[in-house]
Amino acid sequence: MGLDRGEALISADVLARVRDRLSVLRAAVHDVERDLADAGDYRAAFRHLYRAAMDLTEVRLEPIAVLADVEG
């Protein structure tokens, strides 16, 4: 089992962290949608969403192995 052209391999730990942080961001988006639909506080909603998004910016996807799309 190998990599196909253009595919990259990343560690399971990094993938889990990305998945977890995306789940937090997804939940924050749903919270903000609900809060704003109820005429909530826009500033509080923004801060909540911003914190969840900033947490995701700390994730770095560094491939372990890459099969480059090489002509040849």
PDB file of N, CA and C in Angstrom:
ATOM      1  N   MET A   1       0.852  -1.169   0.000  1.00  0.00           N
ATOM      2  CA  MET A   1       0.000   0.000   0.000  1.00  0.00           C
ATOM      3  C   MET A   1       0.896   1.230   0.000  1.00  0.00           C
ATOM      4  N   GLY A   2       0.847   2.006  -1.034  1.00  0.00           N
ATOM      5  CA  GLY A   2       1.685   3.189  -1.154  1.00  0.00           C
ATOM      6  C   GLY A   2       0.855   4.430  -1.375  1.00  0.00           C
ATOM      7  N   LEU A   3       1.552   5.512  -1.569  1.00  0.00           N
ATOM      8  CA  LEU A   3       0.898   6.782  -1.843  1.00  0.00           C
ATOM      9  C   LEU A   3       0.670   6.936  -3.338  1.00  0.00           C
ATOM     10  N   ASP A   4      -0.435   7.520  -3.695  1.00  0.00           N
ATOM     11  CA  ASP A   4      -0.686   7.883  -5.081  1.00  0.00           C
ATOM     12  C   ASP A   4      -0.131   9.281  -5.309  1.00  0.00           C
ATOM     13  N   ARG A   5      -0.002   9.657  -6.560  1.00  0.00           N
ATOM     14  CA  ARG A   5       0.501  10.995  -6.903  1.00  0.00           C
ATOM     15  C   ARG A   5      -0.305  12.082  -6.206  1.00  0.00           C
ATOM     16  N   GLY A   6       0.418  13.041  -5.655  1.00  0.00           N
ATOM     17  CA  GLY A   6      -0.229  14.174  -5.003  1.00  0.00           C
ATOM     18  C   GLY A   6      -0.714  13.893  -3.591  1.00  0.00           C
ATOM     19  N   GLU A   7      -0.538  12.692  -3.060  1.00  0.00           N
ATOM     20  CA  GLU A   7      -0.972  12.367  -1.710  1.00  0.00           C
ATOM     21  C   GLU A   7       0.173  12.583  -0.726  1.00  0.00           C
ATOM     22  N   ALA A   8      -0.201  12.842   0.521  1.00  0.00           N
ATOM     23  CA  ALA A   8       0.791  13.026   1.583  1.00  0.00           C
ATOM     24  C   ALA A   8       0.362  12.213   2.793  1.00  0.00           C
ATOM     25  N   LEU A   9       1.331  11.820   3.573  1.00  0.00           N
ATOM     26  CA  LEU A   9       1.103  11.056   4.788  1.00  0.00           C
ATOM     27  C   LEU A   9       1.392  11.964   5.975  1.00  0.00           C
ATOM     28  N   ILE A  10       0.421  12.058   6.921  1.00  0.00           N
ATOM     29  CA  ILE A  10       0.645  12.827   8.143  1.00  0.00           C
ATOM     30  C   ILE A  10       0.412  11.904   9.338  1.00  0.00           C
ATOM     31  N   SER A  11       0.903  12.303  10.492  1.00  0.00           N
ATOM     32  CA  SER A  11       0.773  11.448  11.671  1.00  0.00           C
ATOM     33  C   SER A  11      -0.672  11.419  12.163  1.00  0.00           C
ATOM     34  N   ALA A  12      -1.032  10.314  12.787  1.00  0.00           N
ATOM     35  CA  ALA A  12      -2.379  10.158  13.334  1.00  0.00           C
ATOM     36  C   ALA A  12      -2.637  11.172  14.438  1.00  0.00           C
ATOM     37  N   ASP A  13      -1.606  11.531  15.201  1.00  0.00           N
ATOM     38  CA  ASP A  13      -1.742  12.511  16.273  1.00  0.00           C
ATOM     39  C   ASP A  13      -2.112  13.887  15.722  1.00  0.00           C
ATOM     40  N   VAL A  14      -1.436  14.298  14.676  1.00  0.00           N
ATOM     41  CA  VAL A  14      -1.732  15.593  14.050  1.00  0.00           C
ATOM     42  C   VAL A  14      -3.139  15.579  13.463  1.00  0.00           C
ATOM     43  N   LEU A  15      -3.499  14.510  12.806  1.00  0.00           N
ATOM     44  CA  LEU A  15      -4.841  14.403  12.237  1.00  0.00           C
ATOM     45  C   LEU A  15      -5.902  14.481  13.330  1.00  0.00           C
ATOM     46  N   ALA A  16      -5.670  13.829  14.455  1.00  0.00           N
ATOM     47  CA  ALA A  16      -6.622  13.866  15.568  1.00  0.00           C
ATOM     48  C   ALA A  16      -6.758  15.278  16.126  1.00  0.00           C
ATOM     49  N   ARG A  17      -5.630  15.992  16.256  1.00  0.00           N
ATOM     50  CA  ARG A  17      -5.689  17.370  16.756  1.00  0.00           C
ATOM     51  C   ARG A  17      -6.466  18.276  15.806  1.00  0.00           C
ATOM     52  N   VAL A  18      -6.250  18.112  14.515  1.00  0.00           N
ATOM     53  CA  VAL A  18      -6.992  18.911  13.529  1.00  0.00           C
ATOM     54  C   VAL A  18      -8.480  18.589  13.627  1.00  0.00           C
ATOM     55  N   ARG A  19      -8.795  17.320  13.687  1.00  0.00           N
ATOM     56  CA  ARG A  19     -10.199  16.900  13.778  1.00  0.00           C
ATOM     57  C   ARG A  19     -10.848  17.474  15.039  1.00  0.00           C
ATOM     58  N   ASP A  20     -10.139  17.419  16.174  1.00  0.00           N
ATOM     59  CA  ASP A  20     -10.686  17.952  17.426  1.00  0.00           C
ATOM     60  C   ASP A  20     -10.924  19.455  17.350  1.00  0.00           C
ATOM     61  N   ARG A  21      -9.959  20.155  16.816  1.00  0.00           N
ATOM     62  CA  ARG A  21     -10.099  21.613  16.730  1.00  0.00           C
ATOM     63  C   ARG A  21     -11.160  22.025  15.721  1.00  0.00           C
ATOM     64  N   LEU A  22     -11.310  21.272  14.645  1.00  0.00           N
ATOM     65  CA  LEU A  22     -12.402  21.544  13.701  1.00  0.00           C
ATOM     66  C   LEU A  22     -13.752  21.300  14.357  1.00  0.00           C
ATOM     67  N   SER A  23     -13.828  20.296  15.213  1.00  0.00           N
ATOM     68  CA  SER A  23     -15.081  20.032  15.941  1.00  0.00           C
ATOM     69  C   SER A  23     -15.422  21.192  16.863  1.00  0.00           C
ATOM     70  N   VAL A  24     -14.407  21.748  17.536  1.00  0.00           N
ATOM     71  CA  VAL A  24     -14.624  22.904  18.402  1.00  0.00           C
ATOM     72  C   VAL A  24     -15.109  24.091  17.573  1.00  0.00           C
ATOM     73  N   LEU A  25     -14.475  24.317  16.423  1.00  0.00           N
ATOM     74  CA  LEU A  25     -14.885  25.421  15.553  1.00  0.00           C
ATOM     75  C   LEU A  25     -16.304  25.213  15.038  1.00  0.00           C
ATOM     76  N   ARG A  26     -16.628  23.992  14.637  1.00  0.00           N
ATOM     77  CA  ARG A  26     -17.975  23.689  14.150  1.00  0.00           C
ATOM     78  C   ARG A  26     -19.014  23.972  15.242  1.00  0.00           C
ATOM     79  N   ALA A  27     -18.725  23.554  16.468  1.00  0.00           N
ATOM     80  CA  ALA A  27     -19.645  23.807  17.581  1.00  0.00           C
ATOM     81  C   ALA A  27     -19.790  25.306  17.842  1.00  0.00           C
ATOM     82  N   ALA A  28     -18.682  26.035  17.753  1.00  0.00           N
ATOM     83  CA  ALA A  28     -18.736  27.482  17.968  1.00  0.00           C
ATOM     84  C   ALA A  28     -19.597  28.159  16.908  1.00  0.00           C
ATOM     85  N   VAL A  29     -19.465  27.722  15.665  1.00  0.00           N
ATOM     86  CA  VAL A  29     -20.288  28.292  14.589  1.00  0.00           C
ATOM     87  C   VAL A  29     -21.766  28.044  14.876  1.00  0.00           C
ATOM     88  N   HIS A  30     -22.106  26.839  15.290  1.00  0.00           N
ATOM     89  CA  HIS A  30     -23.507  26.532  15.612  1.00  0.00           C
ATOM     90  C   HIS A  30     -23.992  27.366  16.800  1.00  0.00           C
ATOM     91  N   ASP A  31     -23.139  27.520  17.818  1.00  0.00           N
ATOM     92  CA  ASP A  31     -23.500  28.349  18.971  1.00  0.00           C
ATOM     93  C   ASP A  31     -23.771  29.784  18.543  1.00  0.00           C
ATOM     94  N   VAL A  32     -22.887  30.321  17.713  1.00  0.00           N
ATOM     95  CA  VAL A  32     -23.030  31.709  17.263  1.00  0.00           C
ATOM     96  C   VAL A  32     -24.276  31.869  16.405  1.00  0.00           C
ATOM     97  N   GLU A  33     -24.533  30.922  15.509  1.00  0.00           N
ATOM     98  CA  GLU A  33     -25.756  30.997  14.696  1.00  0.00           C
ATOM     99  C   GLU A  33     -26.992  31.048  15.589  1.00  0.00           C
ATOM    100  N   ARG A  34     -27.027  30.188  16.611  1.00  0.00           N
ATOM    101  CA  ARG A  34     -28.169  30.146  17.521  1.00  0.00           C
ATOM    102  C   ARG A  34     -28.275  31.445  18.310  1.00  0.00           C
ATOM    103  N   ASP A  35     -27.139  31.903  18.841  1.00  0.00           N
ATOM    104  CA  ASP A  35     -27.154  33.129  19.637  1.00  0.00           C
ATOM    105  C   ASP A  35     -27.595  34.334  18.818  1.00  0.00           C
ATOM    106  N   LEU A  36     -27.124  34.442  17.598  1.00  0.00           N
ATOM    107  CA  LEU A  36     -27.476  35.596  16.766  1.00  0.00           C
ATOM    108  C   LEU A  36     -28.914  35.521  16.288  1.00  0.00           C
ATOM    109  N   ALA A  37     -29.427  34.314  16.091  1.00  0.00           N
ATOM    110  CA  ALA A  37     -30.829  34.160  15.699  1.00  0.00           C
ATOM    111  C   ALA A  37     -31.752  34.640  16.814  1.00  0.00           C
ATOM    112  N   ASP A  38     -31.285  34.557  18.045  1.00  0.00           N
ATOM    113  CA  ASP A  38     -32.064  35.012  19.203  1.00  0.00           C
ATOM    114  C   ASP A  38     -31.742  36.458  19.567  1.00  0.00           C
ATOM    115  N   ALA A  39     -31.220  37.212  18.604  1.00  0.00           N
ATOM    116  CA  ALA A  39     -30.854  38.622  18.811  1.00  0.00           C
ATOM    117  C   ALA A  39     -29.851  38.752  19.945  1.00  0.00           C
ATOM    118  N   GLY A  40     -28.847  37.904  19.908  1.00  0.00           N
ATOM    119  CA  GLY A  40     -27.831  37.903  20.958  1.00  0.00           C
ATOM    120  C   GLY A  40     -26.811  39.006  20.792  1.00  0.00           C
ATOM    121  N   ASP A  41     -25.832  38.976  21.660  1.00  0.00           N
ATOM    122  CA  ASP A  41     -24.755  39.954  21.689  1.00  0.00           C
ATOM    123  C   ASP A  41     -23.741  39.630  20.592  1.00  0.00           C
ATOM    124  N   TYR A  42     -23.643  40.478  19.584  1.00  0.00           N
ATOM    125  CA  TYR A  42     -22.734  40.244  18.464  1.00  0.00           C
ATOM    126  C   TYR A  42     -21.275  40.209  18.906  1.00  0.00           C
ATOM    127  N   ARG A  43     -20.916  41.038  19.849  1.00  0.00           N
ATOM    128  CA  ARG A  43     -19.528  41.061  20.303  1.00  0.00           C
ATOM    129  C   ARG A  43     -19.159  39.763  21.020  1.00  0.00           C
ATOM    130  N   ALA A  44     -20.026  39.285  21.869  1.00  0.00           N
ATOM    131  CA  ALA A  44     -19.761  38.022  22.573  1.00  0.00           C
ATOM    132  C   ALA A  44     -19.700  36.868  21.579  1.00  0.00           C
ATOM    133  N   ALA A  45     -20.597  36.887  20.598  1.00  0.00           N
ATOM    134  CA  ALA A  45     -20.608  35.843  19.573  1.00  0.00           C
ATOM    135  C   ALA A  45     -19.309  35.870  18.775  1.00  0.00           C
ATOM    136  N   PHE A  46     -18.863  37.063  18.424  1.00  0.00           N
ATOM    137  CA  PHE A  46     -17.611  37.187  17.684  1.00  0.00           C
ATOM    138  C   PHE A  46     -16.432  36.660  18.504  1.00  0.00           C
ATOM    139  N   ARG A  47     -16.361  37.037  19.775  1.00  0.00           N
ATOM    140  CA  ARG A  47     -15.253  36.578  20.632  1.00  0.00           C
ATOM    141  C   ARG A  47     -15.241  35.057  20.740  1.00  0.00           C
ATOM    142  N   HIS A  48     -16.411  34.464  20.883  1.00  0.00           N
ATOM    143  CA  HIS A  48     -16.521  33.002  20.983  1.00  0.00           C
ATOM    144  C   HIS A  48     -16.008  32.338  19.704  1.00  0.00           C
ATOM    145  N   LEU A  49     -16.448  32.832  18.577  1.00  0.00           N
ATOM    146  CA  LEU A  49     -16.031  32.277  17.296  1.00  0.00           C
ATOM    147  C   LEU A  49     -14.549  32.533  17.032  1.00  0.00           C
ATOM    148  N   TYR A  50     -14.085  33.702  17.397  1.00  0.00           N
ATOM    149  CA  TYR A  50     -12.676  34.056  17.204  1.00  0.00           C
ATOM    150  C   TYR A  50     -11.762  33.134  18.002  1.00  0.00           C
ATOM    151  N   ARG A  51     -12.108  32.869  19.262  1.00  0.00           N
ATOM    152  CA  ARG A  51     -11.282  31.980  20.090  1.00  0.00           C
ATOM    153  C   ARG A  51     -11.189  30.589  19.473  1.00  0.00           C
ATOM    154  N   ALA A  52     -12.305  30.070  18.992  1.00  0.00           N
ATOM    155  CA  ALA A  52     -12.298  28.741  18.379  1.00  0.00           C
ATOM    156  C   ALA A  52     -11.468  28.736  17.099  1.00  0.00           C
ATOM    157  N   ALA A  53     -11.566  29.791  16.311  1.00  0.00           N
ATOM    158  CA  ALA A  53     -10.804  29.870  15.061  1.00  0.00           C
ATOM    159  C   ALA A  53      -9.314  30.038  15.337  1.00  0.00           C
ATOM    160  N   MET A  54      -8.953  30.832  16.317  1.00  0.00           N
ATOM    161  CA  MET A  54      -7.545  31.048  16.641  1.00  0.00           C
ATOM    162  C   MET A  54      -6.881  29.759  17.109  1.00  0.00           C
ATOM    163  N   ASP A  55      -7.599  28.935  17.826  1.00  0.00           N
ATOM    164  CA  ASP A  55      -7.053  27.660  18.279  1.00  0.00           C
ATOM    165  C   ASP A  55      -6.654  26.800  17.082  1.00  0.00           C
ATOM    166  N   LEU A  56      -7.412  26.878  16.024  1.00  0.00           N
ATOM    167  CA  LEU A  56      -7.127  26.089  14.828  1.00  0.00           C
ATOM    168  C   LEU A  56      -5.903  26.623  14.083  1.00  0.00           C
ATOM    169  N   THR A  57      -5.608  27.899  14.219  1.00  0.00           N
ATOM    170  CA  THR A  57      -4.458  28.465  13.499  1.00  0.00           C
ATOM    171  C   THR A  57      -3.127  27.953  14.048  1.00  0.00           C
ATOM    172  N   GLU A  58      -3.139  27.370  15.229  1.00  0.00           N
ATOM    173  CA  GLU A  58      -1.918  26.844  15.833  1.00  0.00           C
ATOM    174  C   GLU A  58      -1.521  25.484  15.252  1.00  0.00           C
ATOM    175  N   VAL A  59      -2.406  24.851  14.522  1.00  0.00           N
ATOM    176  CA  VAL A  59      -2.142  23.520  13.975  1.00  0.00           C
ATOM    177  C   VAL A  59      -1.276  23.649  12.730  1.00  0.00           C
ATOM    178  N   ARG A  60      -0.273  22.811  12.656  1.00  0.00           N
ATOM    179  CA  ARG A  60       0.597  22.764  11.482  1.00  0.00           C
ATOM    180  C   ARG A  60       0.524  21.374  10.887  1.00  0.00           C
ATOM    181  N   LEU A  61       0.208  21.293   9.629  1.00  0.00           N
ATOM    182  CA  LEU A  61       0.162  20.011   8.930  1.00  0.00           C
ATOM    183  C   LEU A  61       1.492  19.809   8.220  1.00  0.00           C
ATOM    184  N   GLU A  62       2.314  18.993   8.793  1.00  0.00           N
ATOM    185  CA  GLU A  62       3.620  18.691   8.212  1.00  0.00           C
ATOM    186  C   GLU A  62       3.603  17.257   7.711  1.00  0.00           C
ATOM    187  N   PRO A  63       3.711  17.057   6.430  1.00  0.00           N
ATOM    188  CA  PRO A  63       3.682  15.694   5.905  1.00  0.00           C
ATOM    189  C   PRO A  63       4.905  14.889   6.347  1.00  0.00           C
ATOM    190  N   ILE A  64       4.666  13.622   6.594  1.00  0.00           N
ATOM    191  CA  ILE A  64       5.749  12.681   6.905  1.00  0.00           C
ATOM    192  C   ILE A  64       6.370  12.191   5.622  1.00  0.00           C
ATOM    193  N   ALA A  65       5.528  11.957   4.636  1.00  0.00           N
ATOM    194  CA  ALA A  65       5.989  11.492   3.327  1.00  0.00           C
ATOM    195  C   ALA A  65       5.073  12.077   2.263  1.00  0.00           C
ATOM    196  N   VAL A  66       5.620  12.394   1.137  1.00  0.00           N
ATOM    197  CA  VAL A  66       4.868  12.964   0.019  1.00  0.00           C
ATOM    198  C   VAL A  66       5.338  12.295  -1.275  1.00  0.00           C
ATOM    199  N   LEU A  67       4.376  11.911  -2.092  1.00  0.00           N
ATOM    200  CA  LEU A  67       4.718  11.442  -3.428  1.00  0.00           C
ATOM    201  C   LEU A  67       4.402  12.597  -4.365  1.00  0.00           C
ATOM    202  N   ALA A  68       5.433  13.249  -4.835  1.00  0.00           N
ATOM    203  CA  ALA A  68       5.275  14.418  -5.681  1.00  0.00           C
ATOM    204  C   ALA A  68       4.681  14.016  -7.032  1.00  0.00           C
ATOM    205  N   ASP A  69       3.941  14.926  -7.590  1.00  0.00           N
ATOM    206  CA  ASP A  69       3.367  14.744  -8.918  1.00  0.00           C
ATOM    207  C   ASP A  69       4.448  15.135  -9.928  1.00  0.00           C
ATOM    208  N   VAL A  70       5.308  14.192 -10.272  1.00  0.00           N
ATOM    209  CA  VAL A  70       6.471  14.449 -11.124  1.00  0.00           C
ATOM    210  C   VAL A  70       6.217  13.913 -12.530  1.00  0.00           C
ATOM    211  N   GLU A  71       6.505  14.745 -13.503  1.00  0.00           N
ATOM    212  CA  GLU A  71       6.408  14.313 -14.896  1.00  0.00           C
ATOM    213  C   GLU A  71       7.605  13.441 -15.219  1.00  0.00           C
ATOM    214  N   GLY A  72       7.404  12.405 -15.985  1.00  0.00           N
ATOM    215  CA  GLY A  72       8.576  11.635 -16.307  1.00  0.00           C
ATOM    216  C   GLY A  72       8.247  10.432 -16.994  1.00  0.00           C
TER     217      GLY A  72
END
